[in-house]
PDB file of all heavy atoms in Angstrom:
ATOM      1  N   ALA A   1     225.677 118.299  16.541  1.00  0.00           N
ATOM      2  CA  ALA A   1     226.653 117.298  16.634  1.00  0.00           C
ATOM      3  C   ALA A   1     226.449 116.299  17.757  1.00  0.00           C
ATOM      4  O   ALA A   1     226.826 115.131  17.646  1.00  0.00           O
ATOM      5  CB  ALA A   1     228.038 117.933  16.832  1.00  0.00           C
ATOM      6  N   PHE A   2     225.803 116.735  18.849  1.00  0.00           N
ATOM      7  CA  PHE A   2     225.763 115.927  20.041  1.00  0.00           C
ATOM      8  C   PHE A   2     224.308 115.520  20.468  1.00  0.00           C
ATOM      9  O   PHE A   2     224.146 114.534  21.228  1.00  0.00           O
ATOM     10  CB  PHE A   2     226.409 116.570  21.203  1.00  0.00           C
ATOM     11  CG  PHE A   2     227.929 116.649  21.054  1.00  0.00           C
ATOM     12  CD1 PHE A   2     228.522 117.812  20.585  1.00  0.00           C
ATOM     13  CD2 PHE A   2     228.692 115.597  21.376  1.00  0.00           C
ATOM     14  CE1 PHE A   2     229.924 117.911  20.434  1.00  0.00           C
ATOM     15  CE2 PHE A   2     230.109 115.665  21.186  1.00  0.00           C
ATOM     16  CZ  PHE A   2     230.708 116.838  20.756  1.00  0.00           C
ATOM     17  N   ALA A   3     223.281 116.183  19.995  1.00  0.00           N
ATOM     18  CA  ALA A   3     221.957 115.859  20.469  1.00  0.00           C
ATOM     19  C   ALA A   3     221.375 114.651  19.858  1.00  0.00           C
ATOM     20  O   ALA A   3     221.558 114.388  18.632  1.00  0.00           O
ATOM     21  CB  ALA A   3     221.066 117.069  20.200  1.00  0.00           C
ATOM     22  N   ASP A   4     220.625 113.912  20.638  1.00  0.00           N
ATOM     23  CA  ASP A   4     219.791 112.822  20.099  1.00  0.00           C
ATOM     24  C   ASP A   4     218.467 113.407  19.644  1.00  0.00           C
ATOM     25  O   ASP A   4     217.851 112.944  18.703  1.00  0.00           O
ATOM     26  CB  ASP A   4     219.550 111.771  21.158  1.00  0.00           C
ATOM     27  CG  ASP A   4     220.818 111.057  21.545  1.00  0.00           C
ATOM     28  OD1 ASP A   4     221.462 110.397  20.657  1.00  0.00           O
ATOM     29  OD2 ASP A   4     221.237 111.119  22.752  1.00  0.00           O
ATOM     30  N   LYS A   5     217.997 114.387  20.418  1.00  0.00           N
ATOM     31  CA  LYS A   5     216.805 115.102  20.006  1.00  0.00           C
ATOM     32  C   LYS A   5     216.966 116.590  20.312  1.00  0.00           C
ATOM     33  O   LYS A   5     217.724 116.936  21.279  1.00  0.00           O
ATOM     34  CB  LYS A   5     215.530 114.528  20.716  1.00  0.00           C
ATOM     35  CG  LYS A   5     215.430 114.810  22.224  1.00  0.00           C
ATOM     36  CD  LYS A   5     214.104 114.431  22.822  1.00  0.00           C
ATOM     37  CE  LYS A   5     213.802 112.968  22.644  1.00  0.00           C
ATOM     38  NZ  LYS A   5     212.719 112.522  23.535  1.00  0.00           N
ATOM     39  N   ILE A   6     216.240 117.460  19.573  1.00  0.00           N
ATOM     40  CA  ILE A   6     216.278 118.852  19.810  1.00  0.00           C
ATOM     41  C   ILE A   6     214.867 119.314  20.063  1.00  0.00           C
ATOM     42  O   ILE A   6     213.956 118.929  19.373  1.00  0.00           O
ATOM     43  CB  ILE A   6     216.906 119.612  18.630  1.00  0.00           C
ATOM     44  CG1 ILE A   6     218.411 119.284  18.530  1.00  0.00           C
ATOM     45  CG2 ILE A   6     216.721 121.115  18.777  1.00  0.00           C
ATOM     46  CD1 ILE A   6     219.140 119.968  17.361  1.00  0.00           C
ATOM     47  N   ILE A   7     214.736 120.181  21.067  1.00  0.00           N
ATOM     48  CA  ILE A   7     213.464 120.825  21.403  1.00  0.00           C
ATOM     49  C   ILE A   7     213.629 122.296  21.058  1.00  0.00           C
ATOM     50  O   ILE A   7     214.433 123.025  21.676  1.00  0.00           O
ATOM     51  CB  ILE A   7     213.082 120.638  22.896  1.00  0.00           C
ATOM     52  CG1 ILE A   7     213.112 119.189  23.261  1.00  0.00           C
ATOM     53  CG2 ILE A   7     211.791 121.316  23.191  1.00  0.00           C
ATOM     54  CD1 ILE A   7     213.665 118.943  24.667  1.00  0.00           C
ATOM     55  N   LEU A   8     212.901 122.769  20.007  1.00  0.00           N
ATOM     56  CA  LEU A   8     213.009 124.163  19.613  1.00  0.00           C
ATOM     57  C   LEU A   8     211.775 124.897  20.117  1.00  0.00           C
ATOM     58  O   LEU A   8     210.634 124.554  19.850  1.00  0.00           O
ATOM     59  CB  LEU A   8     213.056 124.179  18.071  1.00  0.00           C
ATOM     60  CG  LEU A   8     212.956 125.611  17.416  1.00  0.00           C
ATOM     61  CD1 LEU A   8     214.206 126.453  17.821  1.00  0.00           C
ATOM     62  CD2 LEU A   8     212.908 125.511  15.887  1.00  0.00           C
ATOM     63  N   VAL A   9     212.036 125.939  20.972  1.00  0.00           N
ATOM     64  CA  VAL A   9     210.959 126.725  21.506  1.00  0.00           C
ATOM     65  C   VAL A   9     211.046 128.203  21.027  1.00  0.00           C
ATOM     66  O   VAL A   9     212.072 128.664  20.753  1.00  0.00           O
ATOM     67  CB  VAL A   9     210.958 126.760  23.072  1.00  0.00           C
ATOM     68  CG1 VAL A   9     210.738 125.323  23.565  1.00  0.00           C
ATOM     69  CG2 VAL A   9     212.301 127.267  23.609  1.00  0.00           C
ATOM     70  N   GLY A  10     209.858 128.745  20.918  1.00  0.00           N
ATOM     71  CA  GLY A  10     209.708 130.115  20.475  1.00  0.00           C
ATOM     72  C   GLY A  10     208.450 130.713  21.039  1.00  0.00           C
ATOM     73  O   GLY A  10     207.364 130.116  20.960  1.00  0.00           O
ATOM     74  N   GLY A  11     208.563 131.868  21.678  1.00  0.00           N
ATOM     75  CA  GLY A  11     207.375 132.476  22.283  1.00  0.00           C
ATOM     76  C   GLY A  11     206.680 131.643  23.316  1.00  0.00           C
ATOM     77  O   GLY A  11     205.487 131.729  23.521  1.00  0.00           O
ATOM     78  N   GLY A  12     207.466 130.805  24.022  1.00  0.00           N
ATOM     79  CA  GLY A  12     206.905 129.948  25.057  1.00  0.00           C
ATOM     80  C   GLY A  12     206.274 128.659  24.604  1.00  0.00           C
ATOM     81  O   GLY A  12     205.719 127.926  25.400  1.00  0.00           O
ATOM     82  N   ARG A  13     206.307 128.454  23.291  1.00  0.00           N
ATOM     83  CA  ARG A  13     205.713 127.259  22.739  1.00  0.00           C
ATOM     84  C   ARG A  13     206.762 126.345  22.099  1.00  0.00           C
ATOM     85  O   ARG A  13     207.818 126.795  21.664  1.00  0.00           O
ATOM     86  CB  ARG A  13     204.635 127.626  21.655  1.00  0.00           C
ATOM     87  CG  ARG A  13     203.538 128.466  22.217  1.00  0.00           C
ATOM     88  CD  ARG A  13     202.478 128.648  21.247  1.00  0.00           C
ATOM     89  NE  ARG A  13     201.440 129.606  21.697  1.00  0.00           N
ATOM     90  CZ  ARG A  13     200.155 129.545  21.374  1.00  0.00           C
ATOM     91  NH1 ARG A  13     199.729 128.601  20.548  1.00  0.00           N
ATOM     92  NH2 ARG A  13     199.302 130.378  21.858  1.00  0.00           N
ATOM     93  N   MET A  14     206.435 125.053  21.988  1.00  0.00           N
ATOM     94  CA  MET A  14     207.332 124.148  21.313  1.00  0.00           C
ATOM     95  C   MET A  14     207.100 124.199  19.836  1.00  0.00           C
ATOM     96  O   MET A  14     206.000 123.827  19.373  1.00  0.00           O
ATOM     97  CB  MET A  14     207.158 122.704  21.884  1.00  0.00           C
ATOM     98  CG  MET A  14     208.224 121.754  21.336  1.00  0.00           C
ATOM     99  SD  MET A  14     208.297 120.212  22.368  1.00  0.00           S
ATOM    100  CE  MET A  14     206.714 119.516  21.897  1.00  0.00           C
ATOM    101  N   ILE A  15     208.068 124.604  19.080  1.00  0.00           N
ATOM    102  CA  ILE A  15     207.924 124.828  17.637  1.00  0.00           C
ATOM    103  C   ILE A  15     208.242 123.504  16.907  1.00  0.00           C
ATOM    104  O   ILE A  15     207.553 123.151  15.955  1.00  0.00           O
ATOM    105  CB  ILE A  15     208.870 125.926  17.107  1.00  0.00           C
ATOM    106  CG1 ILE A  15     208.606 127.254  17.838  1.00  0.00           C
ATOM    107  CG2 ILE A  15     208.710 126.103  15.620  1.00  0.00           C
ATOM    108  CD1 ILE A  15     207.215 127.795  17.705  1.00  0.00           C
ATOM    109  N   ALA A  16     209.236 122.733  17.416  1.00  0.00           N
ATOM    110  CA  ALA A  16     209.613 121.526  16.816  1.00  0.00           C
ATOM    111  C   ALA A  16     210.295 120.646  17.773  1.00  0.00           C
ATOM    112  O   ALA A  16     210.898 121.077  18.744  1.00  0.00           O
ATOM    113  CB  ALA A  16     210.505 121.758  15.606  1.00  0.00           C
ATOM    114  N   LEU A  17     210.151 119.300  17.610  1.00  0.00           N
ATOM    115  CA  LEU A  17     210.774 118.296  18.455  1.00  0.00           C
ATOM    116  C   LEU A  17     211.160 117.128  17.564  1.00  0.00           C
ATOM    117  O   LEU A  17     210.355 116.628  16.805  1.00  0.00           O
ATOM    118  CB  LEU A  17     209.786 117.831  19.528  1.00  0.00           C
ATOM    119  CG  LEU A  17     210.158 116.596  20.333  1.00  0.00           C
ATOM    120  CD1 LEU A  17     211.376 116.886  21.211  1.00  0.00           C
ATOM    121  CD2 LEU A  17     209.027 116.106  21.236  1.00  0.00           C
ATOM    122  N   GLY A  18     212.430 116.702  17.678  1.00  0.00           N
ATOM    123  CA  GLY A  18     212.842 115.573  16.883  1.00  0.00           C
ATOM    124  C   GLY A  18     214.378 115.497  16.707  1.00  0.00           C
ATOM    125  O   GLY A  18     215.100 116.188  17.440  1.00  0.00           O
ATOM    126  N   ARG A  19     214.843 114.682  15.790  1.00  0.00           N
ATOM    127  CA  ARG A  19     216.250 114.555  15.531  1.00  0.00           C
ATOM    128  C   ARG A  19     216.761 115.901  14.968  1.00  0.00           C
ATOM    129  O   ARG A  19     216.013 116.686  14.353  1.00  0.00           O
ATOM    130  CB  ARG A  19     216.514 113.463  14.584  1.00  0.00           C
ATOM    131  CG  ARG A  19     216.203 112.047  15.141  1.00  0.00           C
ATOM    132  CD  ARG A  19     216.653 110.944  14.162  1.00  0.00           C
ATOM    133  NE  ARG A  19     216.064 111.078  12.834  1.00  0.00           N
ATOM    134  CZ  ARG A  19     214.881 110.562  12.488  1.00  0.00           C
ATOM    135  NH1 ARG A  19     214.146 109.883  13.385  1.00  0.00           N
ATOM    136  NH2 ARG A  19     214.449 110.717  11.305  1.00  0.00           N
ATOM    137  N   PRO A  20     218.112 116.161  15.109  1.00  0.00           N
ATOM    138  CA  PRO A  20     218.616 117.414  14.622  1.00  0.00           C
ATOM    139  C   PRO A  20     218.273 117.678  13.161  1.00  0.00           C
ATOM    140  O   PRO A  20     217.989 118.789  12.749  1.00  0.00           O
ATOM    141  CB  PRO A  20     220.157 117.258  14.773  1.00  0.00           C
ATOM    142  CG  PRO A  20     220.224 116.405  16.035  1.00  0.00           C
ATOM    143  CD  PRO A  20     219.101 115.471  15.882  1.00  0.00           C
ATOM    144  N   SER A  21     218.318 116.606  12.349  1.00  0.00           N
ATOM    145  CA  SER A  21     218.042 116.776  10.914  1.00  0.00           C
ATOM    146  C   SER A  21     216.572 117.113  10.654  1.00  0.00           C
ATOM    147  O   SER A  21     216.227 117.749   9.620  1.00  0.00           O
ATOM    148  CB  SER A  21     218.365 115.472  10.139  1.00  0.00           C
ATOM    149  OG  SER A  21     217.616 114.362  10.688  1.00  0.00           O
ATOM    150  N   GLU A  22     215.703 116.841  11.624  1.00  0.00           N
ATOM    151  CA  GLU A  22     214.286 117.171  11.464  1.00  0.00           C
ATOM    152  C   GLU A  22     213.978 118.569  11.977  1.00  0.00           C
ATOM    153  O   GLU A  22     213.048 119.258  11.416  1.00  0.00           O
ATOM    154  CB  GLU A  22     213.457 116.118  12.242  1.00  0.00           C
ATOM    155  CG  GLU A  22     213.550 114.709  11.748  1.00  0.00           C
ATOM    156  CD  GLU A  22     212.915 113.693  12.698  1.00  0.00           C
ATOM    157  OE1 GLU A  22     212.885 113.931  13.931  1.00  0.00           O
ATOM    158  OE2 GLU A  22     212.481 112.688  12.237  1.00  0.00           O
ATOM    159  N   VAL A  23     214.687 118.977  13.022  1.00  0.00           N
ATOM    160  CA  VAL A  23     214.332 120.315  13.655  1.00  0.00           C
ATOM    161  C   VAL A  23     215.103 121.436  13.051  1.00  0.00           C
ATOM    162  O   VAL A  23     214.581 122.544  12.869  1.00  0.00           O
ATOM    163  CB  VAL A  23     214.641 120.183  15.178  1.00  0.00           C
ATOM    164  CG1 VAL A  23     214.420 121.538  15.823  1.00  0.00           C
ATOM    165  CG2 VAL A  23     213.723 119.124  15.821  1.00  0.00           C
ATOM    166  N   LEU A  24     216.375 121.217  12.709  1.00  0.00           N
ATOM    167  CA  LEU A  24     217.213 122.304  12.207  1.00  0.00           C
ATOM    168  C   LEU A  24     217.027 122.534  10.724  1.00  0.00           C
ATOM    169  O   LEU A  24     217.860 122.262   9.903  1.00  0.00           O
ATOM    170  CB  LEU A  24     218.673 122.014  12.512  1.00  0.00           C
ATOM    171  CG  LEU A  24     219.050 121.901  14.032  1.00  0.00           C
ATOM    172  CD1 LEU A  24     220.511 121.527  14.176  1.00  0.00           C
ATOM    173  CD2 LEU A  24     218.731 123.200  14.734  1.00  0.00           C
ATOM    174  N   SER A  25     215.876 123.044  10.350  1.00  0.00           N
ATOM    175  CA  SER A  25     215.553 123.395   9.033  1.00  0.00           C
ATOM    176  C   SER A  25     215.618 124.939   8.898  1.00  0.00           C
ATOM    177  O   SER A  25     215.464 125.664   9.856  1.00  0.00           O
ATOM    178  CB  SER A  25     214.148 122.905   8.570  1.00  0.00           C
ATOM    179  OG  SER A  25     213.137 123.605   9.329  1.00  0.00           O
ATOM    180  N   ALA A  26     215.840 125.386   7.697  1.00  0.00           N
ATOM    181  CA  ALA A  26     215.856 126.843   7.399  1.00  0.00           C
ATOM    182  C   ALA A  26     214.559 127.515   7.823  1.00  0.00           C
ATOM    183  O   ALA A  26     214.502 128.592   8.399  1.00  0.00           O
ATOM    184  CB  ALA A  26     216.178 127.102   5.954  1.00  0.00           C
ATOM    185  N   GLU A  27     213.441 126.794   7.578  1.00  0.00           N
ATOM    186  CA  GLU A  27     212.138 127.342   7.879  1.00  0.00           C
ATOM    187  C   GLU A  27     211.971 127.504   9.394  1.00  0.00           C
ATOM    188  O   GLU A  27     211.474 128.543   9.857  1.00  0.00           O
ATOM    189  CB  GLU A  27     211.020 126.464   7.310  1.00  0.00           C
ATOM    190  CG  GLU A  27     210.962 126.413   5.760  1.00  0.00           C
ATOM    191  CD  GLU A  27     212.050 125.540   5.185  1.00  0.00           C
ATOM    192  OE1 GLU A  27     212.674 124.751   5.888  1.00  0.00           O
ATOM    193  OE2 GLU A  27     212.279 125.646   3.923  1.00  0.00           O
ATOM    194  N   ASN A  28     212.287 126.425  10.153  1.00  0.00           N
ATOM    195  CA  ASN A  28     212.120 126.508  11.598  1.00  0.00           C
ATOM    196  C   ASN A  28     212.971 127.577  12.176  1.00  0.00           C
ATOM    197  O   ASN A  28     212.511 128.378  13.093  1.00  0.00           O
ATOM    198  CB  ASN A  28     212.512 125.144  12.238  1.00  0.00           C
ATOM    199  CG  ASN A  28     211.411 124.092  12.050  1.00  0.00           C
ATOM    200  OD1 ASN A  28     210.216 124.398  11.799  1.00  0.00           O
ATOM    201  ND2 ASN A  28     211.790 122.851  12.210  1.00  0.00           N
ATOM    202  N   LEU A  29     214.227 127.691  11.772  1.00  0.00           N
ATOM    203  CA  LEU A  29     215.134 128.637  12.373  1.00  0.00           C
ATOM    204  C   LEU A  29     214.737 130.110  11.962  1.00  0.00           C
ATOM    205  O   LEU A  29     214.874 131.012  12.805  1.00  0.00           O
ATOM    206  CB  LEU A  29     216.581 128.362  11.974  1.00  0.00           C
ATOM    207  CG  LEU A  29     217.062 126.996  12.403  1.00  0.00           C
ATOM    208  CD1 LEU A  29     218.527 126.775  12.015  1.00  0.00           C
ATOM    209  CD2 LEU A  29     216.938 126.834  13.937  1.00  0.00           C
ATOM    210  N   GLN A  30     214.236 130.287  10.786  1.00  0.00           N
ATOM    211  CA  GLN A  30     213.738 131.613  10.409  1.00  0.00           C
ATOM    212  C   GLN A  30     212.575 131.992  11.218  1.00  0.00           C
ATOM    213  O   GLN A  30     212.477 133.159  11.697  1.00  0.00           O
ATOM    214  CB  GLN A  30     213.372 131.582   8.936  1.00  0.00           C
ATOM    215  CG  GLN A  30     212.549 132.776   8.445  1.00  0.00           C
ATOM    216  CD  GLN A  30     213.309 134.105   8.590  1.00  0.00           C
ATOM    217  OE1 GLN A  30     212.768 135.059   9.174  1.00  0.00           O
ATOM    218  NE2 GLN A  30     214.486 134.173   8.069  1.00  0.00           N
ATOM    219  N   SER A  31     211.682 131.045  11.585  1.00  0.00           N
ATOM    220  CA  SER A  31     210.491 131.370  12.325  1.00  0.00           C
ATOM    221  C   SER A  31     210.766 131.748  13.767  1.00  0.00           C
ATOM    222  O   SER A  31     210.102 132.538  14.380  1.00  0.00           O
ATOM    223  CB  SER A  31     209.505 130.200  12.306  1.00  0.00           C
ATOM    224  OG  SER A  31     209.962 129.097  13.114  1.00  0.00           O
TER     225      SER A  31
END
């Protein structure tokens, strides 16, 4: 709702970076 960009990290690495609609995918969140 509020982010201009989201940084998704997992295991100390950046998994995804971008707008919420780009980062918050079922595949990314499952991983």
